[in-house]
């Protein structure tokens, strides 16, 4: 059985690393699985792997898609 997910949207945005007080970049990527569910992949450009994969419902996916720049990264909290 083939399991393929579809890439919907990917966005990159800057943030301040509170440990080093330097600007870093994060990437959030939204995927749709064959069963209609959504996966949100969160990653940063830090040297330490800090990737997260979160399953979200369709309402959360719509909110994520329509978020303004001031709301980018809210899923990291």
PDB file of N, CA and C in Angstrom:
ATOM      1  N   UNK A   1       0.837  -1.179   0.000  1.00  0.00           N
ATOM      2  CA  UNK A   1       0.000   0.000   0.000  1.00  0.00           C
ATOM      3  C   UNK A   1       0.882   1.242   0.000  1.00  0.00           C
ATOM      4  N   UNK A   2       0.569   2.170  -0.843  1.00  0.00           N
ATOM      5  CA  UNK A   2       1.341   3.403  -0.969  1.00  0.00           C
ATOM      6  C   UNK A   2       0.749   4.482  -0.082  1.00  0.00           C
ATOM      7  N   UNK A   3       1.573   5.094   0.744  1.00  0.00           N
ATOM      8  CA  UNK A   3       1.136   6.179   1.619  1.00  0.00           C
ATOM      9  C   UNK A   3       1.832   7.454   1.164  1.00  0.00           C
ATOM     10  N   UNK A   4       1.099   8.327   0.515  1.00  0.00           N
ATOM     11  CA  UNK A   4       1.675   9.572   0.004  1.00  0.00           C
ATOM     12  C   UNK A   4       0.943  10.748   0.641  1.00  0.00           C
ATOM     13  N   UNK A   5       1.713  11.716   1.105  1.00  0.00           N
ATOM     14  CA  UNK A   5       1.104  12.931   1.638  1.00  0.00           C
ATOM     15  C   UNK A   5       1.337  14.058   0.647  1.00  0.00           C
ATOM     16  N   UNK A   6       0.443  15.024   0.677  1.00  0.00           N
ATOM     17  CA  UNK A   6       0.482  16.127  -0.269  1.00  0.00           C
ATOM     18  C   UNK A   6       0.964  17.396   0.448  1.00  0.00           C
ATOM     19  N   UNK A   7       1.967  18.037  -0.107  1.00  0.00           N
ATOM     20  CA  UNK A   7       2.458  19.309   0.418  1.00  0.00           C
ATOM     21  C   UNK A   7       1.476  20.408   0.023  1.00  0.00           C
ATOM     22  N   UNK A   8       0.956  21.124   1.009  1.00  0.00           N
ATOM     23  CA  UNK A   8       0.014  22.206   0.729  1.00  0.00           C
ATOM     24  C   UNK A   8       0.699  23.574   0.743  1.00  0.00           C
ATOM     25  N   UNK A   9       1.378  23.885   1.844  1.00  0.00           N
ATOM     26  CA  UNK A   9       2.001  25.201   2.002  1.00  0.00           C
ATOM     27  C   UNK A   9       3.236  25.071   2.878  1.00  0.00           C
ATOM     28  N   UNK A  10       4.253  25.873   2.560  1.00  0.00           N
ATOM     29  CA  UNK A  10       5.444  25.964   3.400  1.00  0.00           C
ATOM     30  C   UNK A  10       5.793  27.430   3.551  1.00  0.00           C
ATOM     31  N   UNK A  11       6.131  27.827   4.764  1.00  0.00           N
ATOM     32  CA  UNK A  11       6.527  29.225   4.970  1.00  0.00           C
ATOM     33  C   UNK A  11       7.711  29.294   5.928  1.00  0.00           C
ATOM     34  N   UNK A  12       8.557  30.264   5.671  1.00  0.00           N
ATOM     35  CA  UNK A  12       9.738  30.509   6.498  1.00  0.00           C
ATOM     36  C   UNK A  12       9.628  31.903   7.078  1.00  0.00           C
ATOM     37  N   UNK A  13      10.019  32.046   8.350  1.00  0.00           N
ATOM     38  CA  UNK A  13       9.928  33.344   9.017  1.00  0.00           C
ATOM     39  C   UNK A  13      11.034  33.460  10.065  1.00  0.00           C
ATOM     40  N   UNK A  14      11.460  34.686  10.364  1.00  0.00           N
ATOM     41  CA  UNK A  14      12.508  34.897  11.360  1.00  0.00           C
ATOM     42  C   UNK A  14      11.940  34.888  12.776  1.00  0.00           C
ATOM     43  N   UNK A  15      12.800  34.546  13.729  1.00  0.00           N
ATOM     44  CA  UNK A  15      12.457  34.652  15.150  1.00  0.00           C
ATOM     45  C   UNK A  15      13.741  34.907  15.929  1.00  0.00           C
ATOM     46  N   UNK A  16      13.603  35.379  17.141  1.00  0.00           N
ATOM     47  CA  UNK A  16      14.762  35.624  18.004  1.00  0.00           C
ATOM     48  C   UNK A  16      14.973  34.414  18.898  1.00  0.00           C
ATOM     49  N   UNK A  17      16.153  33.825  18.819  1.00  0.00           N
ATOM     50  CA  UNK A  17      16.518  32.713  19.689  1.00  0.00           C
ATOM     51  C   UNK A  17      16.769  33.281  21.077  1.00  0.00           C
ATOM     52  N   UNK A  18      15.934  32.916  22.031  1.00  0.00           N
ATOM     53  CA  UNK A  18      16.038  33.498  23.373  1.00  0.00           C
ATOM     54  C   UNK A  18      17.298  33.062  24.115  1.00  0.00           C
ATOM     55  N   UNK A  19      17.901  31.931  23.743  1.00  0.00           N
ATOM     56  CA  UNK A  19      19.133  31.486  24.401  1.00  0.00           C
ATOM     57  C   UNK A  19      20.341  32.279  23.921  1.00  0.00           C
ATOM     58  N   UNK A  20      20.484  32.446  22.606  1.00  0.00           N
ATOM     59  CA  UNK A  20      21.661  33.098  22.034  1.00  0.00           C
ATOM     60  C   UNK A  20      21.415  34.561  21.674  1.00  0.00           C
ATOM     61  N   UNK A  21      20.148  34.999  21.728  1.00  0.00           N
ATOM     62  CA  UNK A  21      19.766  36.362  21.347  1.00  0.00           C
ATOM     63  C   UNK A  21      20.241  36.730  19.942  1.00  0.00           C
ATOM     64  N   UNK A  22      20.028  35.791  19.026  1.00  0.00           N
ATOM     65  CA  UNK A  22      20.347  36.021  17.622  1.00  0.00           C
ATOM     66  C   UNK A  22      19.110  35.668  16.784  1.00  0.00           C
ATOM     67  N   UNK A  23      19.071  36.209  15.576  1.00  0.00           N
ATOM     68  CA  UNK A  23      17.951  35.909  14.685  1.00  0.00           C
ATOM     69  C   UNK A  23      18.157  34.554  14.029  1.00  0.00           C
ATOM     70  N   UNK A  24      17.140  33.753  14.064  1.00  0.00           N
ATOM     71  CA  UNK A  24      17.125  32.442  13.411  1.00  0.00           C
ATOM     72  C   UNK A  24      15.918  32.401  12.475  1.00  0.00           C
ATOM     73  N   UNK A  25      15.782  31.298  11.762  1.00  0.00           N
ATOM     74  CA  UNK A  25      14.646  31.128  10.864  1.00  0.00           C
ATOM     75  C   UNK A  25      13.943  29.807  11.170  1.00  0.00           C
ATOM     76  N   UNK A  26      12.638  29.847  11.114  1.00  0.00           N
ATOM     77  CA  UNK A  26      11.812  28.654  11.301  1.00  0.00           C
ATOM     78  C   UNK A  26      11.076  28.368  10.004  1.00  0.00           C
ATOM     79  N   UNK A  27      10.737  27.121   9.813  1.00  0.00           N
ATOM     80  CA  UNK A  27       9.951  26.713   8.639  1.00  0.00           C
ATOM     81  C   UNK A  27       8.787  25.867   9.137  1.00  0.00           C
ATOM     82  N   UNK A  28       7.588  26.249   8.730  1.00  0.00           N
ATOM     83  CA  UNK A  28       6.382  25.484   9.011  1.00  0.00           C
ATOM     84  C   UNK A  28       5.862  24.955   7.685  1.00  0.00           C
ATOM     85  N   UNK A  29       5.528  23.682   7.644  1.00  0.00           N
ATOM     86  CA  UNK A  29       5.058  23.050   6.410  1.00  0.00           C
ATOM     87  C   UNK A  29       3.783  22.275   6.706  1.00  0.00           C
ATOM     88  N   UNK A  30       2.746  22.542   5.926  1.00  0.00           N
ATOM     89  CA  UNK A  30       1.459  21.880   6.108  1.00  0.00           C
ATOM     90  C   UNK A  30       1.275  20.817   5.026  1.00  0.00           C
ATOM     91  N   UNK A  31       0.956  19.585   5.467  1.00  0.00           N
ATOM     92  CA  UNK A  31       0.716  18.455   4.571  1.00  0.00           C
ATOM     93  C   UNK A  31      -0.700  17.931   4.770  1.00  0.00           C
ATOM     94  N   UNK A  32      -1.248  17.323   3.719  1.00  0.00           N
ATOM     95  CA  UNK A  32      -2.535  16.625   3.840  1.00  0.00           C
ATOM     96  C   UNK A  32      -2.302  15.151   3.552  1.00  0.00           C
ATOM     97  N   UNK A  33      -2.766  14.320   4.459  1.00  0.00           N
ATOM     98  CA  UNK A  33      -2.640  12.869   4.312  1.00  0.00           C
ATOM     99  C   UNK A  33      -3.778  12.339   3.436  1.00  0.00           C
ATOM    100  N   UNK A  34      -3.625  11.139   2.887  1.00  0.00           N
ATOM    101  CA  UNK A  34      -4.665  10.563   2.024  1.00  0.00           C
ATOM    102  C   UNK A  34      -6.023  10.421   2.715  1.00  0.00           C
ATOM    103  N   UNK A  35      -6.016  10.274   4.043  1.00  0.00           N
ATOM    104  CA  UNK A  35      -7.285  10.130   4.763  1.00  0.00           C
ATOM    105  C   UNK A  35      -7.957  11.473   5.057  1.00  0.00           C
ATOM    106  N   UNK A  36      -7.354  12.579   4.583  1.00  0.00           N
ATOM    107  CA  UNK A  36      -7.940  13.901   4.779  1.00  0.00           C
ATOM    108  C   UNK A  36      -7.450  14.627   6.009  1.00  0.00           C
ATOM    109  N   UNK A  37      -6.652  13.979   6.831  1.00  0.00           N
ATOM    110  CA  UNK A  37      -6.104  14.643   8.018  1.00  0.00           C
ATOM    111  C   UNK A  37      -4.928  15.543   7.610  1.00  0.00           C
ATOM    112  N   UNK A  38      -4.525  16.412   8.519  1.00  0.00           N
ATOM    113  CA  UNK A  38      -3.448  17.361   8.243  1.00  0.00           C
ATOM    114  C   UNK A  38      -2.294  17.145   9.199  1.00  0.00           C
ATOM    115  N   UNK A  39      -1.074  17.301   8.671  1.00  0.00           N
ATOM    116  CA  UNK A  39       0.145  17.221   9.468  1.00  0.00           C
ATOM    117  C   UNK A  39       0.889  18.537   9.317  1.00  0.00           C
ATOM    118  N   UNK A  40       1.331  19.082  10.441  1.00  0.00           N
ATOM    119  CA  UNK A  40       2.098  20.320  10.439  1.00  0.00           C
ATOM    120  C   UNK A  40       3.510  19.995  10.911  1.00  0.00           C
ATOM    121  N   UNK A  41       4.485  20.221  10.033  1.00  0.00           N
ATOM    122  CA  UNK A  41       5.894  19.991  10.370  1.00  0.00           C
ATOM    123  C   UNK A  41       6.520  21.327  10.737  1.00  0.00           C
ATOM    124  N   UNK A  42       7.110  21.400  11.931  1.00  0.00           N
ATOM    125  CA  UNK A  42       7.754  22.610  12.429  1.00  0.00           C
ATOM    126  C   UNK A  42       9.243  22.340  12.561  1.00  0.00           C
ATOM    127  N   UNK A  43      10.085  23.222  12.017  1.00  0.00           N
ATOM    128  CA  UNK A  43      11.531  23.048  12.114  1.00  0.00           C
ATOM    129  C   UNK A  43      12.214  24.409  12.184  1.00  0.00           C
ATOM    130  N   UNK A  44      13.459  24.393  12.661  1.00  0.00           N
ATOM    131  CA  UNK A  44      14.258  25.623  12.740  1.00  0.00           C
ATOM    132  C   UNK A  44      15.625  25.380  12.130  1.00  0.00           C
ATOM    133  N   UNK A  45      16.389  26.459  11.976  1.00  0.00           N
ATOM    134  CA  UNK A  45      17.747  26.336  11.441  1.00  0.00           C
ATOM    135  C   UNK A  45      18.784  26.200  12.543  1.00  0.00           C
ATOM    136  N   UNK A  46      18.361  25.899  13.771  1.00  0.00           N
ATOM    137  CA  UNK A  46      19.305  25.676  14.864  1.00  0.00           C
ATOM    138  C   UNK A  46      20.149  24.440  14.554  1.00  0.00           C
ATOM    139  N   UNK A  47      21.324  24.384  15.145  1.00  0.00           N
ATOM    140  CA  UNK A  47      22.188  23.224  14.928  1.00  0.00           C
ATOM    141  C   UNK A  47      21.624  21.988  15.619  1.00  0.00           C
ATOM    142  N   UNK A  48      20.896  22.177  16.718  1.00  0.00           N
ATOM    143  CA  UNK A  48      20.256  21.063  17.414  1.00  0.00           C
ATOM    144  C   UNK A  48      18.928  20.774  16.724  1.00  0.00           C
ATOM    145  N   UNK A  49      18.666  19.508  16.465  1.00  0.00           N
ATOM    146  CA  UNK A  49      17.396  19.152  15.824  1.00  0.00           C
ATOM    147  C   UNK A  49      16.237  19.520  16.739  1.00  0.00           C
ATOM    148  N   UNK A  50      15.360  20.347  16.224  1.00  0.00           N
ATOM    149  CA  UNK A  50      14.196  20.786  16.982  1.00  0.00           C
ATOM    150  C   UNK A  50      12.976  20.701  16.081  1.00  0.00           C
ATOM    151  N   UNK A  51      12.802  19.550  15.447  1.00  0.00           N
ATOM    152  CA  UNK A  51      11.676  19.347  14.544  1.00  0.00           C
ATOM    153  C   UNK A  51      10.496  18.769  15.308  1.00  0.00           C
ATOM    154  N   UNK A  52       9.314  19.176  14.892  1.00  0.00           N
ATOM    155  CA  UNK A  52       8.088  18.638  15.475  1.00  0.00           C
ATOM    156  C   UNK A  52       7.122  18.295  14.354  1.00  0.00           C
ATOM    157  N   UNK A  53       6.367  17.258  14.555  1.00  0.00           N
ATOM    158  CA  UNK A  53       5.323  16.865  13.621  1.00  0.00           C
ATOM    159  C   UNK A  53       4.035  16.773  14.422  1.00  0.00           C
ATOM    160  N   UNK A  54       3.052  17.601  14.047  1.00  0.00           N
ATOM    161  CA  UNK A  54       1.810  17.709  14.809  1.00  0.00           C
ATOM    162  C   UNK A  54       0.634  17.388  13.892  1.00  0.00           C
ATOM    163  N   UNK A  55      -0.246  16.509  14.349  1.00  0.00           N
ATOM    164  CA  UNK A  55      -1.476  16.229  13.611  1.00  0.00           C
ATOM    165  C   UNK A  55      -2.497  17.275  14.039  1.00  0.00           C
ATOM    166  N   UNK A  56      -3.109  17.963  13.067  1.00  0.00           N
ATOM    167  CA  UNK A  56      -4.103  18.986  13.373  1.00  0.00           C
ATOM    168  C   UNK A  56      -5.392  18.692  12.598  1.00  0.00           C
ATOM    169  N   UNK A  57      -6.505  19.223  13.111  1.00  0.00           N
ATOM    170  CA  UNK A  57      -7.781  19.020  12.427  1.00  0.00           C
ATOM    171  C   UNK A  57      -7.970  20.076  11.339  1.00  0.00           C
ATOM    172  N   UNK A  58      -9.043  19.954  10.580  1.00  0.00           N
ATOM    173  CA  UNK A  58      -9.264  20.866   9.450  1.00  0.00           C
ATOM    174  C   UNK A  58      -9.469  22.307   9.903  1.00  0.00           C
ATOM    175  N   UNK A  59     -10.090  22.512  11.050  1.00  0.00           N
ATOM    176  CA  UNK A  59     -10.281  23.871  11.563  1.00  0.00           C
ATOM    177  C   UNK A  59      -8.931  24.515  11.870  1.00  0.00           C
ATOM    178  N   UNK A  60      -8.062  23.787  12.550  1.00  0.00           N
ATOM    179  CA  UNK A  60      -6.731  24.304  12.873  1.00  0.00           C
ATOM    180  C   UNK A  60      -5.919  24.558  11.603  1.00  0.00           C
ATOM    181  N   UNK A  61      -6.090  23.704  10.598  1.00  0.00           N
ATOM    182  CA  UNK A  61      -5.374  23.900   9.324  1.00  0.00           C
ATOM    183  C   UNK A  61      -5.831  25.190   8.651  1.00  0.00           C
ATOM    184  N   UNK A  62      -7.139  25.458   8.654  1.00  0.00           N
ATOM    185  CA  UNK A  62      -7.648  26.701   8.068  1.00  0.00           C
ATOM    186  C   UNK A  62      -7.149  27.928   8.824  1.00  0.00           C
ATOM    187  N   UNK A  63      -7.146  27.846  10.146  1.00  0.00           N
ATOM    188  CA  UNK A  63      -6.630  28.958  10.948  1.00  0.00           C
ATOM    189  C   UNK A  63      -5.153  29.193  10.659  1.00  0.00           C
ATOM    190  N   UNK A  64      -4.382  28.106  10.524  1.00  0.00           N
ATOM    191  CA  UNK A  64      -2.954  28.222  10.225  1.00  0.00           C
ATOM    192  C   UNK A  64      -2.740  28.861   8.862  1.00  0.00           C
ATOM    193  N   UNK A  65      -3.547  28.440   7.878  1.00  0.00           N
ATOM    194  CA  UNK A  65      -3.420  28.983   6.520  1.00  0.00           C
ATOM    195  C   UNK A  65      -3.693  30.482   6.470  1.00  0.00           C
ATOM    196  N   UNK A  66      -4.636  30.944   7.273  1.00  0.00           N
ATOM    197  CA  UNK A  66      -5.052  32.344   7.221  1.00  0.00           C
ATOM    198  C   UNK A  66      -4.388  33.209   8.292  1.00  0.00           C
ATOM    199  N   UNK A  67      -3.402  32.680   8.987  1.00  0.00           N
ATOM    200  CA  UNK A  67      -2.708  33.440  10.022  1.00  0.00           C
ATOM    201  C   UNK A  67      -1.884  34.563   9.396  1.00  0.00           C
ATOM    202  N   UNK A  68      -1.861  35.693  10.067  1.00  0.00           N
ATOM    203  CA  UNK A  68      -1.037  36.815   9.622  1.00  0.00           C
ATOM    204  C   UNK A  68       0.395  36.654  10.099  1.00  0.00           C
ATOM    205  N   UNK A  69       1.317  37.439   9.549  1.00  0.00           N
ATOM    206  CA  UNK A  69       2.733  37.329   9.926  1.00  0.00           C
ATOM    207  C   UNK A  69       2.988  37.473  11.425  1.00  0.00           C
ATOM    208  N   UNK A  70       2.178  38.255  12.112  1.00  0.00           N
ATOM    209  CA  UNK A  70       2.370  38.424  13.552  1.00  0.00           C
ATOM    210  C   UNK A  70       1.990  37.158  14.332  1.00  0.00           C
ATOM    211  N   UNK A  71       1.303  36.215  13.683  1.00  0.00           N
ATOM    212  CA  UNK A  71       0.898  34.971  14.336  1.00  0.00           C
ATOM    213  C   UNK A  71       1.781  33.782  13.955  1.00  0.00           C
ATOM    214  N   UNK A  72       2.734  33.970  13.051  1.00  0.00           N
ATOM    215  CA  UNK A  72       3.616  32.867  12.644  1.00  0.00           C
ATOM    216  C   UNK A  72       4.374  32.360  13.865  1.00  0.00           C
ATOM    217  N   UNK A  73       4.467  31.059  13.997  1.00  0.00           N
ATOM    218  CA  UNK A  73       5.216  30.449  15.093  1.00  0.00           C
ATOM    219  C   UNK A  73       4.425  30.194  16.339  1.00  0.00           C
ATOM    220  N   UNK A  74       3.148  30.519  16.348  1.00  0.00           N
ATOM    221  CA  UNK A  74       2.342  30.336  17.561  1.00  0.00           C
ATOM    222  C   UNK A  74       2.249  28.866  17.949  1.00  0.00           C
ATOM    223  N   UNK A  75       2.414  27.952  16.994  1.00  0.00           N
ATOM    224  CA  UNK A  75       2.325  26.514  17.284  1.00  0.00           C
ATOM    225  C   UNK A  75       3.509  26.026  18.125  1.00  0.00           C
ATOM    226  N   UNK A  76       4.572  26.787  18.203  1.00  0.00           N
ATOM    227  CA  UNK A  76       5.760  26.385  18.973  1.00  0.00           C
ATOM    228  C   UNK A  76       5.530  26.483  20.468  1.00  0.00           C
ATOM    229  N   UNK A  77       4.536  27.194  20.897  1.00  0.00           N
ATOM    230  CA  UNK A  77       4.308  27.386  22.342  1.00  0.00           C
ATOM    231  C   UNK A  77       3.737  26.161  22.981  1.00  0.00           C
TER     232      UNK A  77
END
